[in-house]
Amino acid sequence: MFVQVIKGRTSDAAGLRRQLERWRDELKPGAIGFVGSTVGVTDDGTCICIARFADADDVAANGGRPEQDAWWSETAKYFDGEPSFRESSDVVTLLQGPSTAARFVQVMEGTVTDRAKAEAMESPEMIEELHKVRPDLLGSLRVWLDGGAFVDTAYFTSEADARKGESSAEFTGPQEEYMALYGDMTFTDLRDPLLD
């Protein structure tokens, strides 16, 4: 899998959402190698798109479609400045991965000091325990970037369920040691995500 992470800001969230819905309705049927996407605009106008493709060649081929180019030229006008583009084929899924059943999505961005240690701590037993005490978490998609940076997209049954779950003390996994491996993180809450 090859993932593009596009992030920017908009002062016209409704207009940008119309463009994103237009892509889903008009361009997606002909998209080359498209696997799925998670898109949303936050309350403060931050827009993030996690687009999944079969591989990098499909992304390039899709970007070469005239209708895709025309759509992007129009869509770019809804961003305040240039959005950032990050790409990677270093992708990991947790539980069922991206879920179209989610009603709330949280995107976490940060860095990890020791990826191998962090992943070793994510044992099948730990994930099973997490799933038992956090049924609100449907799955996640982690995209690894250069220098230990990552973008982790978590899919929840609802925001209320997620908030209740994150304050739960039931999970007994190695939380402090695990979190110590991670630096500062930013959180982007998508309360009305477009999920494909």
Protein backbone atom coordinates (compact mmCIF):
# COMPACT_ATOMS: atom_id res chain seq x y z
CA MET A 1 0.00 0.00 0.00
CA PHE A 2 1.13 3.56 -0.74
CA VAL A 3 -0.31 6.45 1.24
CA GLN A 4 -0.45 10.17 0.59
CA VAL A 5 -1.02 12.50 3.55
CA ILE A 6 -2.24 15.92 2.44
CA LYS A 7 -2.72 18.64 5.05
CA GLY A 8 -3.59 22.31 4.85
CA ARG A 9 -5.89 25.03 6.08
CA THR A 10 -9.07 26.47 4.61
CA SER A 11 -11.34 29.40 5.36
CA ASP A 12 -14.09 27.84 3.23
CA ALA A 13 -14.71 24.43 4.80
CA ALA A 14 -18.07 24.00 3.07
CA GLY A 15 -16.60 24.74 -0.36
CA LEU A 16 -13.67 22.40 0.17
CA ARG A 17 -15.98 19.64 1.38
CA ARG A 18 -18.08 20.04 -1.79
CA GLN A 19 -14.91 19.55 -3.85
CA LEU A 20 -13.96 16.47 -1.83
CA GLU A 21 -17.45 15.03 -2.26
CA ARG A 22 -17.24 15.79 -5.98
CA TRP A 23 -14.02 13.77 -6.23
CA ARG A 24 -15.74 10.85 -4.49
CA ASP A 25 -18.78 11.02 -6.78
CA GLU A 26 -17.20 11.89 -10.12
CA LEU A 27 -13.50 10.99 -10.14
CA LYS A 28 -13.22 8.02 -7.80
CA PRO A 29 -14.86 5.55 -10.22
CA GLY A 30 -11.97 6.06 -12.66
CA ALA A 31 -9.18 6.43 -10.09
CA ILE A 32 -6.20 4.19 -10.79
CA GLY A 33 -5.22 1.88 -7.94
CA PHE A 34 -7.34 3.73 -5.39
CA VAL A 35 -7.81 1.70 -2.19
CA GLY A 36 -9.58 4.18 0.09
CA SER A 37 -9.39 7.52 1.85
CA THR A 38 -10.11 9.37 5.06
CA VAL A 39 -10.81 13.07 4.65
CA GLY A 40 -12.07 15.77 6.95
CA VAL A 41 -12.01 19.41 7.98
CA THR A 42 -11.71 20.34 11.65
CA ASP A 43 -13.57 23.07 13.50
CA ASP A 44 -10.59 25.43 13.04
CA GLY A 45 -10.29 24.85 9.28
CA THR A 46 -7.51 22.26 9.23
CA CYS A 47 -8.04 19.83 6.37
CA ILE A 48 -6.38 16.44 6.25
CA CYS A 49 -6.64 13.71 3.64
CA ILE A 50 -5.19 10.22 4.01
CA ALA A 51 -5.39 8.67 0.52
CA ARG A 52 -4.50 5.01 0.07
CA PHE A 53 -3.37 3.51 -3.25
CA ALA A 54 -2.06 0.12 -4.30
CA ASP A 55 1.42 1.53 -5.05
CA ALA A 56 3.39 4.65 -6.02
CA ASP A 57 3.02 3.98 -9.75
CA ASP A 58 -0.76 4.16 -9.39
CA VAL A 59 -0.49 7.51 -7.62
CA ALA A 60 1.60 8.88 -10.48
CA ALA A 61 -0.77 7.45 -13.10
CA ASN A 62 -3.79 8.83 -11.30
CA GLY A 63 -2.17 12.25 -10.99
CA GLY A 64 -1.65 12.23 -14.77
CA ARG A 65 -5.36 11.94 -15.53
CA PRO A 66 -6.61 15.23 -17.07
CA GLU A 67 -9.77 15.16 -14.95
CA GLN A 68 -7.68 14.69 -11.79
CA ASP A 69 -5.45 17.62 -12.74
CA ALA A 70 -8.45 19.84 -13.46
CA TRP A 71 -10.11 18.85 -10.20
CA TRP A 72 -6.98 19.58 -8.18
CA SER A 73 -6.47 22.98 -9.86
CA GLU A 74 -9.97 23.93 -8.72
CA THR A 75 -9.63 22.35 -5.27
CA ALA A 76 -6.31 24.08 -4.52
CA LYS A 77 -8.15 27.42 -4.55
CA TYR A 78 -9.96 26.39 -1.36
CA PHE A 79 -6.72 26.08 0.60
CA ASP A 80 -5.18 29.05 2.38
CA GLY A 81 -1.68 28.65 0.97
CA GLU A 82 -0.06 25.46 -0.22
CA PRO A 83 -1.03 22.22 1.53
CA SER A 84 1.74 19.81 2.49
CA PHE A 85 2.14 16.44 0.76
CA ARG A 86 3.84 13.52 2.48
CA GLU A 87 4.04 10.00 1.03
CA SER A 88 5.09 6.56 2.20
CA SER A 89 4.73 2.87 1.49
CA ASP A 90 5.79 2.06 5.08
CA VAL A 91 2.31 1.43 6.45
CA VAL A 92 0.99 -0.59 9.42
CA THR A 93 -2.61 -1.39 10.32
CA LEU A 94 -4.02 -2.16 13.76
CA LEU A 95 -7.17 -4.23 14.40
CA GLN A 96 -9.32 -3.88 11.26
CA GLY A 97 -7.41 -0.86 9.95
CA PRO A 98 -9.35 2.01 8.34
CA SER A 99 -13.08 1.61 8.96
CA THR A 100 -15.97 3.16 7.07
CA ALA A 101 -18.12 2.40 10.13
CA ALA A 102 -16.29 5.08 12.14
CA ARG A 103 -18.17 8.22 13.16
CA PHE A 104 -15.13 9.94 14.64
CA VAL A 105 -11.52 9.91 13.44
CA GLN A 106 -8.45 11.24 15.21
CA VAL A 107 -5.20 11.85 13.37
CA MET A 108 -2.05 11.87 15.51
CA GLU A 109 1.26 13.18 14.18
CA GLY A 110 4.59 12.90 15.96
CA THR A 111 7.91 11.09 16.21
CA VAL A 112 9.18 8.03 18.04
CA THR A 113 12.68 7.63 19.48
CA ASP A 114 12.87 3.85 19.08
CA ARG A 115 10.46 2.43 16.53
CA ALA A 116 11.60 -1.17 16.97
CA LYS A 117 11.01 -1.04 20.72
CA ALA A 118 7.63 0.64 20.30
CA GLU A 119 6.49 -1.99 17.80
CA ALA A 120 7.80 -4.82 19.97
CA MET A 121 5.61 -3.55 22.79
CA GLU A 122 2.57 -3.71 20.49
CA SER A 123 2.38 -7.46 20.96
CA PRO A 124 -0.68 -9.49 19.91
CA GLU A 125 -1.48 -9.86 23.63
CA MET A 126 -1.35 -6.11 24.20
CA ILE A 127 -3.52 -5.43 21.16
CA GLU A 128 -6.03 -8.05 22.30
CA GLU A 129 -6.24 -6.48 25.76
CA LEU A 130 -6.59 -3.02 24.24
CA HIS A 131 -9.42 -4.23 22.01
CA LYS A 132 -11.26 -5.72 24.98
CA VAL A 133 -11.20 -2.52 27.03
CA ARG A 134 -11.49 -0.13 24.07
CA PRO A 135 -14.27 -1.50 21.82
CA ASP A 136 -14.73 2.09 20.64
CA LEU A 137 -11.45 1.78 18.70
CA LEU A 138 -12.31 0.07 15.43
CA GLY A 139 -8.83 0.21 13.94
CA SER A 140 -5.96 2.42 12.88
CA LEU A 141 -3.57 3.11 10.03
CA ARG A 142 -0.03 4.24 10.83
CA VAL A 143 2.09 5.81 8.11
CA TRP A 144 5.82 5.93 8.84
CA LEU A 145 7.81 8.82 7.40
CA ASP A 146 11.51 9.75 7.51
CA GLY A 147 13.32 10.24 10.81
CA GLY A 148 10.90 8.30 12.98
CA ALA A 149 8.01 10.60 12.11
CA PHE A 150 4.55 9.09 11.74
CA VAL A 151 0.92 9.88 11.03
CA ASP A 152 -1.48 7.60 12.90
CA THR A 153 -5.17 7.66 11.99
CA ALA A 154 -7.50 6.10 14.56
CA TYR A 155 -11.11 5.16 13.79
CA PHE A 156 -13.72 5.25 16.57
CA THR A 157 -17.40 4.33 16.91
CA SER A 158 -18.14 7.90 18.06
CA GLU A 159 -16.42 10.86 19.69
CA ALA A 160 -18.34 10.29 22.93
CA ASP A 161 -17.18 6.67 23.03
CA ALA A 162 -13.59 7.69 22.29
CA ARG A 163 -13.53 10.32 25.05
CA LYS A 164 -14.97 7.85 27.53
CA GLY A 165 -12.48 5.17 26.46
CA GLU A 166 -9.40 7.40 26.66
CA SER A 167 -10.18 8.23 30.29
CA SER A 168 -10.65 4.56 31.20
CA ALA A 169 -8.19 3.03 33.65
CA GLU A 170 -8.96 -0.55 32.60
CA PHE A 171 -6.06 -0.99 30.18
CA THR A 172 -3.05 -2.38 32.05
CA GLY A 173 -0.53 -2.51 29.20
CA PRO A 174 2.90 -0.78 29.44
CA GLN A 175 1.50 2.72 29.00
CA GLU A 176 4.15 4.90 30.65
CA GLU A 177 7.12 3.07 29.13
CA TYR A 178 5.37 2.96 25.76
CA MET A 179 4.44 6.66 25.73
CA ALA A 180 7.96 7.62 26.82
CA LEU A 181 9.15 6.50 23.38
CA TYR A 182 7.02 9.15 21.71
CA GLY A 183 7.74 12.86 21.49
CA ASP A 184 5.18 15.64 21.36
CA MET A 185 2.15 14.77 19.27
CA THR A 186 -0.47 16.88 17.52
CA PHE A 187 -4.07 15.69 17.37
CA THR A 188 -6.51 16.47 14.58
CA ASP A 189 -10.14 15.58 15.31
CA LEU A 190 -12.38 14.79 12.33
CA ARG A 191 -15.94 14.95 13.65
CA ASP A 192 -17.61 14.52 10.26
CA PRO A 193 -15.17 12.45 8.21
CA LEU A 194 -15.61 11.37 4.60
CA LEU A 195 -14.62 7.71 4.54
CA ASP A 196 -14.06 5.57 1.44
